[in-house]
Amino acid sequence: MHTNFDMKNIMEDLLNIYWLRPETALWRTIDMFILENVILSGRSLDFGCGDGIFSFLRAGGKLENSFDVFYGVDEIQNFYKNVDIYNFAKTNHIMIKNNASYKISVGFDLKQSLLKKANKLDFYEELLQGDGNNKLPFKDNEFDSIFSNVLYWLDDIDSVLAELHRILKPGGNLYILVPDVNFLNASFYHSLQQKEKTQGYEFLSYLDRGRVLSNIKHIKCEDDWRFALNNIGFKIFNHKKYLSSRFLKIWDIGFRPIFPALHNASSRMNIEDRLNFKNDLTDILKIYMKPLLDLEFQDTDSDKGFHFFHLKK
């Protein structure tokens, strides 16, 4: 484990923010570990920044304990119709405890509602709405550093990578997180319903919520990712595989089946009761999450589900 990585504090910060979806807090903690030494320097771009919270926390920002992302969601009744419940501009709920140690030059995202939330963080010097599937509204060789964990959601990944290569300065750094084919193998819906067509498992579509069928459009093995990246003209400076099949199977279920009921119940509570409920639940979750993370960081299996690439132009 990296000596500077304070897993306990990072896990608790993320669990506080994603307490009704603790599997998200687990994943983001592991992302933080993988990206520990990544600093977006010079003129920087967060490509697919969303609400900005992940990058804000990664840059040392802190949010008040009374904050969580679930104040800013809507249409919970359509959760199992694959509606993006976070795509609503409830901006007054963000409460900053400590500012980040640096700022990112540009945050770019498709969803204006998420950019409105990101704006409350005072973390991005500029926020720009746009479709990453199109030619990007940036000059050639404009950025020193770029981060993205959304590339596999876009339509034509080769075109997107070519655009990122175009706007990155020679010698600049691109950091990306992308899925491996093992990610699919850990999906109960893919394995039991989509792949094997096992009768009686159609209900697992409620677990998947459109991820395998619609959202995750590009999944490759390591060799294929390397070929695609080299073909664009990137040099692979560093690479890590992470997220074990054990973790991904836990994440695949998580609190997803009961999330709408938990959210509706907590939303009906007054502020004090809701915070007490949150504290009670997170205290229980920590008992399980810390050992799971310890196992994950010690895992040496090769069948992991995600890749981190540090690329140079």
Protein backbone atom coordinates (compact mmCIF):
# COMPACT_ATOMS: atom_id res chain seq x y z
CA MET A 1 0.00 0.00 0.00
CA HIS A 2 1.21 3.52 -0.69
CA THR A 3 2.55 5.09 2.48
CA ASN A 4 0.85 8.44 1.87
CA PHE A 5 -2.58 6.95 1.20
CA ASP A 6 -4.86 7.50 4.20
CA MET A 7 -7.45 4.89 3.32
CA LYS A 8 -9.48 5.20 6.53
CA ASN A 9 -10.08 8.94 6.21
CA ILE A 10 -10.74 8.80 2.48
CA MET A 11 -13.16 5.90 2.88
CA GLU A 12 -15.02 7.72 5.65
CA ASP A 13 -15.23 10.94 3.62
CA LEU A 14 -16.64 9.06 0.64
CA LEU A 15 -18.99 6.95 2.75
CA ASN A 16 -20.34 10.13 4.29
CA ILE A 17 -21.14 11.44 0.80
CA TYR A 18 -22.44 8.16 -0.72
CA TRP A 19 -23.89 6.54 2.40
CA LEU A 20 -27.02 5.26 0.67
CA ARG A 21 -24.85 3.65 -2.04
CA PRO A 22 -21.82 2.43 -0.03
CA GLU A 23 -20.62 0.34 -2.95
CA THR A 24 -19.93 3.64 -4.75
CA ALA A 25 -17.87 4.83 -1.78
CA LEU A 26 -15.85 1.60 -1.94
CA TRP A 27 -15.16 1.98 -5.66
CA ARG A 28 -14.22 5.65 -5.35
CA THR A 29 -11.84 4.86 -2.47
CA ILE A 30 -10.02 2.38 -4.69
CA ASP A 31 -9.97 4.93 -7.52
CA MET A 32 -8.34 7.39 -5.11
CA PHE A 33 -5.68 4.82 -4.29
CA ILE A 34 -4.95 4.16 -7.96
CA LEU A 35 -4.78 7.90 -8.71
CA GLU A 36 -2.87 8.84 -5.55
CA ASN A 37 0.14 10.30 -7.34
CA VAL A 38 -1.83 12.00 -10.13
CA ILE A 39 -1.89 15.80 -10.01
CA LEU A 40 -3.44 17.78 -12.83
CA SER A 41 -0.86 20.50 -13.40
CA GLY A 42 -0.56 23.41 -15.83
CA ARG A 43 -3.62 24.06 -17.97
CA SER A 44 -5.81 21.10 -17.03
CA LEU A 45 -9.04 19.49 -18.21
CA ASP A 46 -11.46 17.26 -16.29
CA PHE A 47 -13.18 15.56 -19.24
CA GLY A 48 -16.58 14.36 -18.04
CA CYS A 49 -16.33 16.09 -14.68
CA GLY A 50 -19.94 15.48 -13.64
CA ASP A 51 -20.73 17.22 -10.36
CA GLY A 52 -16.98 17.60 -9.71
CA ILE A 53 -17.05 16.00 -6.28
CA PHE A 54 -14.64 13.15 -7.03
CA SER A 55 -11.96 15.42 -8.49
CA PHE A 56 -12.56 17.98 -5.72
CA LEU A 57 -11.96 15.40 -3.00
CA ARG A 58 -8.98 13.98 -4.85
CA ALA A 59 -7.44 17.47 -4.82
CA GLY A 60 -7.75 17.64 -1.03
CA GLY A 61 -11.14 19.34 -0.76
CA LYS A 62 -13.49 18.52 2.11
CA LEU A 63 -17.26 18.75 2.41
CA GLU A 64 -19.23 19.18 5.62
CA ASN A 65 -20.35 15.98 7.35
CA SER A 66 -23.97 17.01 6.97
CA PHE A 67 -23.62 16.95 3.15
CA ASP A 68 -24.37 14.02 0.88
CA VAL A 69 -25.15 13.71 -2.82
CA PHE A 70 -28.66 12.41 -2.19
CA TYR A 71 -29.99 15.86 -1.36
CA GLY A 72 -29.51 16.60 -5.06
CA VAL A 73 -31.39 13.70 -6.66
CA ASP A 74 -34.89 13.43 -8.09
CA GLU A 75 -37.30 11.04 -9.83
CA ILE A 76 -36.53 8.19 -7.44
CA GLN A 77 -39.77 6.60 -8.62
CA ASN A 78 -38.08 6.07 -12.01
CA PHE A 79 -34.89 4.57 -10.59
CA TYR A 80 -35.61 1.18 -12.18
CA LYS A 81 -36.49 2.81 -15.48
CA ASN A 82 -32.80 3.75 -15.72
CA VAL A 83 -33.35 7.49 -15.16
CA ASP A 84 -30.21 9.37 -14.06
CA ILE A 85 -31.45 10.48 -10.65
CA TYR A 86 -28.42 12.79 -10.18
CA ASN A 87 -29.17 14.82 -13.32
CA PHE A 88 -31.07 17.55 -11.51
CA ALA A 89 -29.78 21.00 -10.60
CA LYS A 90 -30.44 21.18 -6.87
CA THR A 91 -27.40 23.31 -6.13
CA ASN A 92 -27.97 24.78 -2.68
CA HIS A 93 -27.05 21.59 -0.82
CA ILE A 94 -23.25 21.65 -1.35
CA MET A 95 -21.37 22.72 1.78
CA ILE A 96 -17.59 23.14 1.63
CA LYS A 97 -15.48 22.52 4.73
CA ASN A 98 -12.02 22.93 3.14
CA ASN A 99 -11.11 24.11 -0.36
CA ALA A 100 -9.06 21.90 -2.67
CA SER A 101 -5.27 22.36 -2.73
CA TYR A 102 -5.36 23.31 -6.41
CA LYS A 103 -7.89 24.17 -9.10
CA ILE A 104 -8.60 22.53 -12.45
CA SER A 105 -8.65 24.89 -15.42
CA VAL A 106 -11.68 23.44 -17.24
CA GLY A 107 -14.47 21.08 -16.26
CA PHE A 108 -16.29 19.68 -19.30
CA ASP A 109 -19.52 17.68 -19.19
CA LEU A 110 -22.64 16.91 -21.21
CA LYS A 111 -25.12 17.63 -18.41
CA GLN A 112 -25.73 21.26 -17.48
CA SER A 113 -27.40 20.27 -14.21
CA LEU A 114 -24.22 18.53 -13.04
CA LEU A 115 -22.11 21.52 -14.06
CA LYS A 116 -24.33 23.74 -11.90
CA LYS A 117 -23.52 21.51 -8.94
CA ALA A 118 -19.81 21.54 -9.81
CA ASN A 119 -19.88 25.33 -9.91
CA LYS A 120 -20.71 25.41 -6.20
CA LEU A 121 -17.36 23.81 -5.38
CA ASP A 122 -15.31 26.83 -6.53
CA PHE A 123 -12.86 24.28 -7.90
CA TYR A 124 -12.96 24.79 -11.67
CA GLU A 125 -11.74 28.00 -13.25
CA GLU A 126 -14.17 27.39 -16.12
CA LEU A 127 -17.07 25.01 -16.67
CA LEU A 128 -18.11 24.14 -20.19
CA GLN A 129 -21.10 22.16 -21.40
CA GLY A 130 -20.64 20.00 -24.48
CA ASP A 131 -20.96 16.56 -26.05
CA GLY A 132 -17.76 14.56 -25.87
CA ASN A 133 -18.84 12.62 -28.95
CA ASN A 134 -18.28 15.73 -31.08
CA LYS A 135 -15.18 17.69 -32.02
CA LEU A 136 -14.02 19.33 -28.81
CA PRO A 137 -14.15 23.14 -28.49
CA PHE A 138 -10.46 23.45 -27.63
CA LYS A 139 -7.34 24.46 -29.54
CA ASP A 140 -4.63 22.06 -30.68
CA ASN A 141 -2.01 21.43 -27.98
CA GLU A 142 -4.00 23.41 -25.38
CA PHE A 143 -3.75 21.27 -22.24
CA ASP A 144 -0.83 20.12 -20.10
CA SER A 145 -2.90 17.48 -18.31
CA ILE A 146 -6.27 15.75 -18.83
CA PHE A 147 -8.21 13.30 -16.67
CA SER A 148 -11.23 11.23 -17.71
CA ASN A 149 -13.14 8.25 -16.35
CA VAL A 150 -16.05 8.46 -18.84
CA LEU A 151 -14.47 7.47 -22.17
CA TYR A 152 -16.17 4.08 -22.30
CA TRP A 153 -19.59 5.76 -22.16
CA LEU A 154 -19.04 7.59 -25.44
CA ASP A 155 -19.95 6.38 -28.92
CA ASP A 156 -16.69 6.27 -30.90
CA ILE A 157 -13.81 5.92 -28.48
CA ASP A 158 -11.14 6.10 -31.18
CA SER A 159 -12.45 9.50 -32.29
CA VAL A 160 -12.59 10.71 -28.68
CA LEU A 161 -9.04 9.55 -28.00
CA ALA A 162 -7.88 11.25 -31.20
CA GLU A 163 -9.49 14.50 -30.02
CA LEU A 164 -7.83 14.24 -26.61
CA HIS A 165 -4.53 13.61 -28.35
CA ARG A 166 -5.10 16.70 -30.51
CA ILE A 167 -5.76 19.05 -27.60
CA LEU A 168 -2.96 17.67 -25.38
CA LYS A 169 0.39 19.43 -25.54
CA PRO A 170 3.44 17.45 -26.69
CA GLY A 171 4.80 15.81 -23.54
CA GLY A 172 1.46 16.36 -21.80
CA ASN A 173 -0.24 13.79 -19.56
CA LEU A 174 -3.55 12.00 -20.06
CA TYR A 175 -4.95 9.86 -17.23
CA ILE A 176 -7.84 7.51 -18.00
CA LEU A 177 -9.84 4.77 -16.26
CA VAL A 178 -11.41 2.17 -18.59
CA PRO A 179 -13.04 -1.28 -18.17
CA ASP A 180 -11.56 -4.69 -18.90
CA VAL A 181 -13.53 -7.65 -20.29
CA ASN A 182 -13.41 -9.11 -16.77
CA PHE A 183 -15.81 -6.37 -15.73
CA LEU A 184 -18.55 -8.10 -17.73
CA ASN A 185 -17.74 -11.49 -16.25
CA ALA A 186 -18.45 -10.11 -12.75
CA SER A 187 -21.89 -8.83 -13.77
CA PHE A 188 -24.68 -11.14 -12.61
CA TYR A 189 -26.99 -9.79 -15.31
CA HIS A 190 -24.44 -10.35 -18.08
CA SER A 191 -23.34 -13.78 -16.85
CA LEU A 192 -26.73 -15.26 -15.96
CA GLN A 193 -29.09 -13.49 -18.35
CA GLN A 194 -27.43 -11.79 -21.28
CA LYS A 195 -24.61 -14.29 -21.87
CA GLU A 196 -26.12 -17.63 -20.85
CA LYS A 197 -29.78 -16.67 -21.45
CA THR A 198 -30.64 -18.57 -18.28
CA GLN A 199 -34.40 -18.67 -17.86
CA GLY A 200 -35.76 -16.98 -14.75
CA TYR A 201 -32.99 -14.40 -14.33
CA GLU A 202 -34.68 -11.62 -16.29
CA PHE A 203 -35.22 -9.76 -13.01
CA LEU A 204 -31.49 -9.03 -12.92
CA SER A 205 -32.12 -6.25 -15.41
CA TYR A 206 -33.17 -4.22 -12.36
CA LEU A 207 -29.65 -4.66 -10.97
CA ASP A 208 -28.04 -3.73 -14.25
CA ARG A 209 -30.14 -0.59 -14.85
CA GLY A 210 -28.92 -0.29 -18.43
CA ARG A 211 -25.20 -0.44 -17.67
CA VAL A 212 -24.31 -3.47 -19.81
CA LEU A 213 -26.91 -2.92 -22.51
CA SER A 214 -26.61 0.83 -23.03
CA ASN A 215 -24.07 2.72 -20.96
CA ILE A 216 -20.79 0.82 -21.06
CA LYS A 217 -20.04 0.91 -24.76
CA HIS A 218 -16.34 -0.02 -24.84
CA ILE A 219 -14.76 -2.89 -22.95
CA LYS A 220 -11.38 -4.31 -23.96
CA CYS A 221 -8.67 -6.60 -22.66
CA GLU A 222 -5.34 -5.01 -21.79
CA ASP A 223 -3.72 -5.87 -25.13
CA ASP A 224 -6.58 -4.32 -27.09
CA TRP A 225 -6.50 -1.15 -25.00
CA ARG A 226 -2.75 -0.89 -25.53
CA PHE A 227 -3.16 -1.34 -29.27
CA ALA A 228 -5.89 1.32 -29.47
CA LEU A 229 -3.90 3.83 -27.43
CA ASN A 230 -0.65 3.26 -29.31
CA ASN A 231 -2.52 3.47 -32.61
CA ILE A 232 -3.72 6.99 -31.72
CA GLY A 233 -0.15 8.07 -30.95
CA PHE A 234 -0.02 7.91 -27.16
CA LYS A 235 2.92 6.54 -25.24
CA ILE A 236 1.90 4.38 -22.28
CA PHE A 237 3.89 5.75 -19.36
CA ASN A 238 2.21 3.74 -16.60
CA HIS A 239 -0.52 1.11 -16.31
CA LYS A 240 -2.32 -0.66 -13.47
CA LYS A 241 -5.15 -3.18 -13.35
CA TYR A 242 -7.52 -2.99 -10.41
CA LEU A 243 -10.95 -4.00 -9.04
CA SER A 244 -11.01 -7.74 -8.32
CA SER A 245 -13.87 -9.98 -9.42
CA ARG A 246 -14.76 -10.38 -5.72
CA PHE A 247 -15.14 -6.63 -5.31
CA LEU A 248 -17.09 -6.22 -8.55
CA LYS A 249 -19.59 -8.90 -7.54
CA ILE A 250 -20.19 -7.07 -4.26
CA TRP A 251 -20.49 -3.76 -6.10
CA ASP A 252 -22.87 -5.27 -8.65
CA ILE A 253 -25.50 -5.68 -5.94
CA GLY A 254 -24.54 -3.31 -3.11
CA PHE A 255 -27.48 -1.26 -1.83
CA ARG A 256 -28.90 -0.93 -5.35
CA PRO A 257 -31.98 -3.15 -4.74
CA ILE A 258 -33.05 -1.23 -1.62
CA PHE A 259 -31.79 2.25 -2.47
CA PRO A 260 -35.16 3.80 -3.44
CA ALA A 261 -36.78 2.67 -0.17
CA LEU A 262 -33.83 3.88 1.92
CA HIS A 263 -33.80 7.22 0.13
CA ASN A 264 -37.53 7.77 0.52
CA ALA A 265 -37.44 6.86 4.21
CA SER A 266 -34.48 9.14 4.98
CA SER A 267 -36.02 12.00 2.96
CA ARG A 268 -39.07 11.98 5.22
CA MET A 269 -36.94 12.49 8.34
CA ASN A 270 -36.13 15.85 9.85
CA ILE A 271 -32.50 16.97 9.57
CA GLU A 272 -31.46 15.73 13.01
CA ASP A 273 -33.09 12.29 12.66
CA ARG A 274 -31.68 11.87 9.15
CA LEU A 275 -28.16 12.67 10.33
CA ASN A 276 -28.50 10.26 13.26
CA PHE A 277 -29.72 7.53 10.90
CA LYS A 278 -26.83 8.27 8.56
CA ASN A 279 -24.28 8.06 11.40
CA ASP A 280 -25.74 4.78 12.70
CA LEU A 281 -25.70 3.22 9.25
CA THR A 282 -22.19 4.35 8.34
CA ASP A 283 -20.83 3.08 11.68
CA ILE A 284 -22.14 -0.38 10.76
CA LEU A 285 -20.87 -0.19 7.18
CA LYS A 286 -17.34 0.69 8.28
CA ILE A 287 -17.08 -2.70 10.04
CA TYR A 288 -17.34 -4.40 6.64
CA MET A 289 -15.80 -1.86 4.31
CA LYS A 290 -12.35 -1.56 5.91
CA PRO A 291 -11.58 -5.32 5.68
CA LEU A 292 -12.91 -5.43 2.12
CA LEU A 293 -10.57 -2.62 1.12
CA ASP A 294 -7.64 -4.30 2.88
CA LEU A 295 -8.33 -7.44 0.86
CA GLU A 296 -8.60 -5.44 -2.33
CA PHE A 297 -5.26 -3.72 -1.88
CA GLN A 298 -3.61 -7.08 -1.12
CA ASP A 299 -5.20 -8.86 -4.08
CA THR A 300 -2.74 -10.22 -6.66
CA ASP A 301 -5.19 -11.93 -9.05
CA SER A 302 -4.88 -10.97 -12.70
CA ASP A 303 -8.59 -11.12 -13.58
CA LYS A 304 -9.28 -7.54 -12.54
CA GLY A 305 -12.01 -5.44 -14.09
CA PHE A 306 -10.55 -1.98 -14.71
CA HIS A 307 -7.44 -0.32 -16.14
CA PHE A 308 -5.63 2.85 -15.20
CA PHE A 309 -3.48 4.29 -17.99
CA HIS A 310 -1.10 7.21 -17.66
CA LEU A 311 -0.42 8.33 -21.21
CA LYS A 312 1.92 10.85 -22.72
CA LYS A 313 1.81 12.63 -26.05
